[in-house]
Amino acid sequence: MSRIEDKQYDTLWIIVKSLYRASLLGFALLTLSLPIVFMTDQISPLHNAIIPMDRLTYNAMTFRVLVDMKILVFIFLLLPAIGLHWTLRKEHPKPKMSGSS
């Protein structure tokens, strides 16, 4: 391979690594937001003081936001990372080590 191809290949691997890290951070953010789901009785009055809404609407909005975040992390971060990783491994497999047996 030429130097330009090597540089492009390295750039693609940097993109793959950053997509994996971003998806990991996205899942960490989702995990950290789980207390909101379990503490709806305590958080709902605080939210209701700012924006008045009934309890069913608040619950639906909370779950919808969490579902949308999960979908966005999967579709825009994790799936492209897996697809690029798979393609790069298929295009440039690791060289086989020649052992002395």
N, C-alpha and C. Protein backbone atom coordinates (compact mmCIF):
# COMPACT_ATOMS: atom_id res chain seq x y z
N MET A 1 0.83 -1.18 0.00
CA MET A 1 0.00 0.00 0.00
C MET A 1 0.87 1.24 0.00
N SER A 2 0.32 2.29 -0.58
CA SER A 2 1.06 3.55 -0.59
C SER A 2 0.84 4.29 0.73
N ARG A 3 1.62 5.34 0.89
CA ARG A 3 1.50 6.12 2.13
C ARG A 3 0.14 6.78 2.24
N ILE A 4 -0.42 7.23 1.12
CA ILE A 4 -1.74 7.89 1.14
C ILE A 4 -2.81 6.91 1.57
N GLU A 5 -2.75 5.68 1.04
CA GLU A 5 -3.73 4.66 1.43
C GLU A 5 -3.59 4.31 2.91
N ASP A 6 -2.35 4.23 3.39
CA ASP A 6 -2.12 3.96 4.82
C ASP A 6 -2.70 5.07 5.69
N LYS A 7 -2.52 6.30 5.27
CA LYS A 7 -3.03 7.43 6.04
C LYS A 7 -4.56 7.42 6.05
N GLN A 8 -5.18 7.12 4.91
CA GLN A 8 -6.63 7.04 4.85
C GLN A 8 -7.15 5.89 5.71
N TYR A 9 -6.44 4.78 5.67
CA TYR A 9 -6.80 3.62 6.48
C TYR A 9 -6.72 3.96 7.96
N ASP A 10 -5.67 4.65 8.36
CA ASP A 10 -5.52 5.06 9.76
C ASP A 10 -6.62 6.04 10.16
N THR A 11 -6.99 6.94 9.25
CA THR A 11 -8.06 7.89 9.54
C THR A 11 -9.38 7.16 9.75
N LEU A 12 -9.66 6.16 8.94
CA LEU A 12 -10.89 5.38 9.11
C LEU A 12 -10.91 4.65 10.45
N TRP A 13 -9.76 4.14 10.88
CA TRP A 13 -9.70 3.47 12.18
C TRP A 13 -9.92 4.44 13.33
N ILE A 14 -9.44 5.68 13.16
CA ILE A 14 -9.69 6.70 14.19
C ILE A 14 -11.18 6.99 14.27
N ILE A 15 -11.85 7.04 13.12
CA ILE A 15 -13.30 7.26 13.11
C ILE A 15 -14.03 6.11 13.79
N VAL A 16 -13.61 4.88 13.50
CA VAL A 16 -14.23 3.71 14.13
C VAL A 16 -14.07 3.76 15.64
N LYS A 17 -12.85 4.05 16.09
CA LYS A 17 -12.60 4.11 17.54
C LYS A 17 -13.42 5.22 18.20
N SER A 18 -13.52 6.38 17.53
CA SER A 18 -14.32 7.44 18.14
C SER A 18 -15.80 7.13 18.15
N LEU A 19 -16.30 6.41 17.15
CA LEU A 19 -17.71 6.00 17.17
C LEU A 19 -17.97 5.01 18.30
N TYR A 20 -17.05 4.08 18.52
CA TYR A 20 -17.20 3.14 19.64
C TYR A 20 -17.19 3.89 20.98
N ARG A 21 -16.27 4.84 21.12
CA ARG A 21 -16.20 5.59 22.37
C ARG A 21 -17.44 6.45 22.58
N ALA A 22 -17.92 7.06 21.50
CA ALA A 22 -19.13 7.88 21.61
C ALA A 22 -20.34 7.02 21.97
N SER A 23 -20.41 5.81 21.41
CA SER A 23 -21.54 4.94 21.77
C SER A 23 -21.41 4.47 23.22
N LEU A 24 -20.20 4.25 23.69
CA LEU A 24 -20.00 3.90 25.09
C LEU A 24 -20.43 5.05 26.01
N LEU A 25 -20.08 6.26 25.64
CA LEU A 25 -20.51 7.43 26.41
C LEU A 25 -22.03 7.60 26.34
N GLY A 26 -22.62 7.30 25.20
CA GLY A 26 -24.08 7.37 25.07
C GLY A 26 -24.77 6.38 25.99
N PHE A 27 -24.25 5.17 26.05
CA PHE A 27 -24.83 4.17 26.95
C PHE A 27 -24.60 4.55 28.41
N ALA A 28 -23.47 5.18 28.71
CA ALA A 28 -23.23 5.65 30.08
C ALA A 28 -24.23 6.75 30.43
N LEU A 29 -24.50 7.64 29.49
CA LEU A 29 -25.48 8.69 29.72
C LEU A 29 -26.87 8.11 29.95
N LEU A 30 -27.22 7.09 29.17
CA LEU A 30 -28.50 6.42 29.38
C LEU A 30 -28.57 5.75 30.74
N THR A 31 -27.49 5.12 31.15
CA THR A 31 -27.45 4.46 32.45
C THR A 31 -27.57 5.48 33.58
N LEU A 32 -26.91 6.63 33.42
CA LEU A 32 -26.98 7.66 34.43
C LEU A 32 -28.36 8.33 34.49
N SER A 33 -29.11 8.25 33.41
CA SER A 33 -30.45 8.85 33.41
C SER A 33 -31.53 7.88 33.89
N LEU A 34 -31.16 6.65 34.20
CA LEU A 34 -32.14 5.69 34.71
C LEU A 34 -32.77 6.09 36.05
N PRO A 35 -32.07 6.79 36.94
CA PRO A 35 -32.75 7.22 38.16
C PRO A 35 -33.97 8.10 37.90
N ILE A 36 -33.98 8.81 36.78
CA ILE A 36 -35.16 9.61 36.43
C ILE A 36 -36.37 8.72 36.28
N VAL A 37 -36.17 7.54 35.72
CA VAL A 37 -37.28 6.60 35.53
C VAL A 37 -37.76 6.07 36.87
N PHE A 38 -36.83 5.78 37.76
CA PHE A 38 -37.20 5.19 39.04
C PHE A 38 -37.62 6.22 40.09
N MET A 39 -37.35 7.49 39.84
CA MET A 39 -37.70 8.54 40.79
C MET A 39 -38.77 9.48 40.23
N THR A 40 -39.69 8.97 39.43
CA THR A 40 -40.68 9.84 38.81
C THR A 40 -41.57 10.53 39.84
N ASP A 41 -41.82 9.88 40.98
CA ASP A 41 -42.65 10.51 42.01
C ASP A 41 -41.98 11.76 42.58
N GLN A 42 -40.66 11.76 42.68
CA GLN A 42 -39.96 12.89 43.24
C GLN A 42 -39.67 13.98 42.20
N ILE A 43 -39.43 13.58 40.96
CA ILE A 43 -39.02 14.53 39.92
C ILE A 43 -40.23 15.17 39.25
N SER A 44 -41.34 14.48 39.18
CA SER A 44 -42.52 15.02 38.52
C SER A 44 -43.00 16.33 39.12
N PRO A 45 -43.09 16.50 40.45
CA PRO A 45 -43.51 17.81 40.99
C PRO A 45 -42.53 18.94 40.66
N LEU A 46 -41.22 18.63 40.61
CA LEU A 46 -40.25 19.65 40.23
C LEU A 46 -40.47 20.10 38.78
N HIS A 47 -40.64 19.12 37.92
CA HIS A 47 -40.88 19.44 36.51
C HIS A 47 -42.22 20.15 36.34
N ASN A 48 -43.22 19.74 37.10
CA ASN A 48 -44.54 20.32 37.00
C ASN A 48 -44.55 21.77 37.48
N ALA A 49 -43.64 22.15 38.36
CA ALA A 49 -43.54 23.54 38.80
C ALA A 49 -43.01 24.44 37.68
N ILE A 50 -42.22 23.88 36.79
CA ILE A 50 -41.66 24.65 35.68
C ILE A 50 -42.62 24.65 34.50
N ILE A 51 -43.02 23.46 34.08
CA ILE A 51 -43.94 23.30 32.95
C ILE A 51 -45.10 22.44 33.42
N PRO A 52 -46.27 23.03 33.59
CA PRO A 52 -47.41 22.24 34.09
C PRO A 52 -47.87 21.20 33.06
N MET A 53 -48.00 19.97 33.52
CA MET A 53 -48.55 18.89 32.69
C MET A 53 -49.02 17.79 33.61
N ASP A 54 -49.98 17.02 33.12
CA ASP A 54 -50.49 15.94 33.98
C ASP A 54 -49.49 14.80 34.04
N ARG A 55 -49.71 13.90 34.98
CA ARG A 55 -48.76 12.83 35.29
C ARG A 55 -48.57 11.86 34.13
N LEU A 56 -49.64 11.48 33.44
CA LEU A 56 -49.51 10.55 32.32
C LEU A 56 -48.69 11.15 31.18
N THR A 57 -48.88 12.43 30.93
CA THR A 57 -48.09 13.09 29.89
C THR A 57 -46.62 13.14 30.28
N TYR A 58 -46.35 13.43 31.55
CA TYR A 58 -44.97 13.47 32.03
C TYR A 58 -44.31 12.10 31.89
N ASN A 59 -45.01 11.04 32.29
CA ASN A 59 -44.45 9.69 32.17
C ASN A 59 -44.18 9.33 30.72
N ALA A 60 -45.13 9.63 29.85
CA ALA A 60 -44.95 9.32 28.42
C ALA A 60 -43.78 10.10 27.84
N MET A 61 -43.66 11.37 28.22
CA MET A 61 -42.56 12.19 27.72
C MET A 61 -41.21 11.65 28.20
N THR A 62 -41.13 11.27 29.47
CA THR A 62 -39.87 10.76 30.02
C THR A 62 -39.44 9.48 29.32
N PHE A 63 -40.35 8.54 29.18
CA PHE A 63 -40.00 7.28 28.53
C PHE A 63 -39.69 7.49 27.06
N ARG A 64 -40.39 8.41 26.40
CA ARG A 64 -40.14 8.67 24.99
C ARG A 64 -38.74 9.25 24.77
N VAL A 65 -38.33 10.15 25.66
CA VAL A 65 -37.00 10.74 25.54
C VAL A 65 -35.92 9.67 25.72
N LEU A 66 -36.10 8.79 26.69
CA LEU A 66 -35.11 7.73 26.91
C LEU A 66 -35.06 6.75 25.74
N VAL A 67 -36.22 6.42 25.19
CA VAL A 67 -36.26 5.52 24.03
C VAL A 67 -35.59 6.18 22.83
N ASP A 68 -35.87 7.46 22.61
CA ASP A 68 -35.24 8.17 21.49
C ASP A 68 -33.72 8.25 21.65
N MET A 69 -33.26 8.48 22.88
CA MET A 69 -31.81 8.51 23.11
C MET A 69 -31.18 7.15 22.81
N LYS A 70 -31.84 6.09 23.23
CA LYS A 70 -31.31 4.75 22.98
C LYS A 70 -31.25 4.46 21.48
N ILE A 71 -32.31 4.82 20.77
CA ILE A 71 -32.35 4.60 19.32
C ILE A 71 -31.26 5.40 18.63
N LEU A 72 -31.07 6.65 19.03
CA LEU A 72 -30.04 7.47 18.41
C LEU A 72 -28.64 6.92 18.66
N VAL A 73 -28.39 6.44 19.87
CA VAL A 73 -27.07 5.86 20.16
C VAL A 73 -26.84 4.63 19.29
N PHE A 74 -27.84 3.78 19.16
CA PHE A 74 -27.68 2.57 18.34
C PHE A 74 -27.51 2.92 16.86
N ILE A 75 -28.41 3.74 16.32
CA ILE A 75 -28.44 3.95 14.87
C ILE A 75 -27.30 4.85 14.39
N PHE A 76 -26.99 5.91 15.15
CA PHE A 76 -26.01 6.86 14.66
C PHE A 76 -24.60 6.64 15.19
N LEU A 77 -24.43 5.81 16.21
CA LEU A 77 -23.09 5.61 16.75
C LEU A 77 -22.65 4.15 16.67
N LEU A 78 -23.41 3.23 17.27
CA LEU A 78 -22.95 1.85 17.38
C LEU A 78 -23.00 1.11 16.04
N LEU A 79 -24.11 1.20 15.32
CA LEU A 79 -24.20 0.47 14.05
C LEU A 79 -23.19 0.95 13.01
N PRO A 80 -22.97 2.28 12.82
CA PRO A 80 -21.90 2.68 11.90
C PRO A 80 -20.52 2.21 12.34
N ALA A 81 -20.27 2.20 13.65
CA ALA A 81 -18.96 1.73 14.13
C ALA A 81 -18.77 0.26 13.81
N ILE A 82 -19.79 -0.55 14.05
CA ILE A 82 -19.69 -1.98 13.75
C ILE A 82 -19.54 -2.20 12.24
N GLY A 83 -20.31 -1.47 11.45
CA GLY A 83 -20.23 -1.62 9.99
C GLY A 83 -18.87 -1.23 9.44
N LEU A 84 -18.33 -0.11 9.90
CA LEU A 84 -17.00 0.30 9.45
C LEU A 84 -15.92 -0.67 9.92
N HIS A 85 -16.03 -1.11 11.15
CA HIS A 85 -15.06 -2.07 11.69
C HIS A 85 -15.07 -3.35 10.86
N TRP A 86 -16.24 -3.85 10.58
CA TRP A 86 -16.40 -5.08 9.80
C TRP A 86 -15.81 -4.89 8.41
N THR A 87 -16.12 -3.77 7.77
CA THR A 87 -15.63 -3.52 6.42
C THR A 87 -14.11 -3.38 6.40
N LEU A 88 -13.56 -2.65 7.35
CA LEU A 88 -12.11 -2.47 7.38
C LEU A 88 -11.39 -3.79 7.63
N ARG A 89 -11.94 -4.63 8.51
CA ARG A 89 -11.32 -5.94 8.76
C ARG A 89 -11.40 -6.84 7.53
N LYS A 90 -12.49 -6.72 6.79
CA LYS A 90 -12.65 -7.54 5.60
C LYS A 90 -11.71 -7.09 4.48
N GLU A 91 -11.52 -5.78 4.35
CA GLU A 91 -10.66 -5.23 3.31
C GLU A 91 -9.18 -5.43 3.62
N HIS A 92 -8.84 -5.29 4.89
CA HIS A 92 -7.43 -5.39 5.29
C HIS A 92 -7.31 -6.35 6.46
N PRO A 93 -7.32 -7.65 6.19
CA PRO A 93 -7.19 -8.61 7.31
C PRO A 93 -5.80 -8.53 7.92
N LYS A 94 -5.73 -8.96 9.17
CA LYS A 94 -4.43 -8.97 9.86
C LYS A 94 -3.51 -9.97 9.16
N PRO A 95 -2.24 -9.61 9.02
CA PRO A 95 -1.31 -10.56 8.39
C PRO A 95 -1.11 -11.77 9.30
N LYS A 96 -1.02 -12.94 8.68
CA LYS A 96 -0.83 -14.18 9.46
C LYS A 96 0.61 -14.24 9.93
N MET A 97 0.76 -14.65 11.17
CA MET A 97 2.09 -14.78 11.74
C MET A 97 2.68 -16.12 11.31
N SER A 98 3.89 -16.09 10.85
CA SER A 98 4.55 -17.32 10.47
C SER A 98 5.35 -17.82 11.66
N GLY A 99 4.91 -18.94 12.17
CA GLY A 99 5.57 -19.51 13.34
C GLY A 99 6.62 -20.53 12.94
N SER A 100 7.60 -20.68 13.78
CA SER A 100 8.64 -21.69 13.49
C SER A 100 8.32 -22.93 14.33
N SER A 101 7.69 -23.90 13.70
CA SER A 101 7.34 -25.14 14.41
C SER A 101 8.22 -26.25 14.01
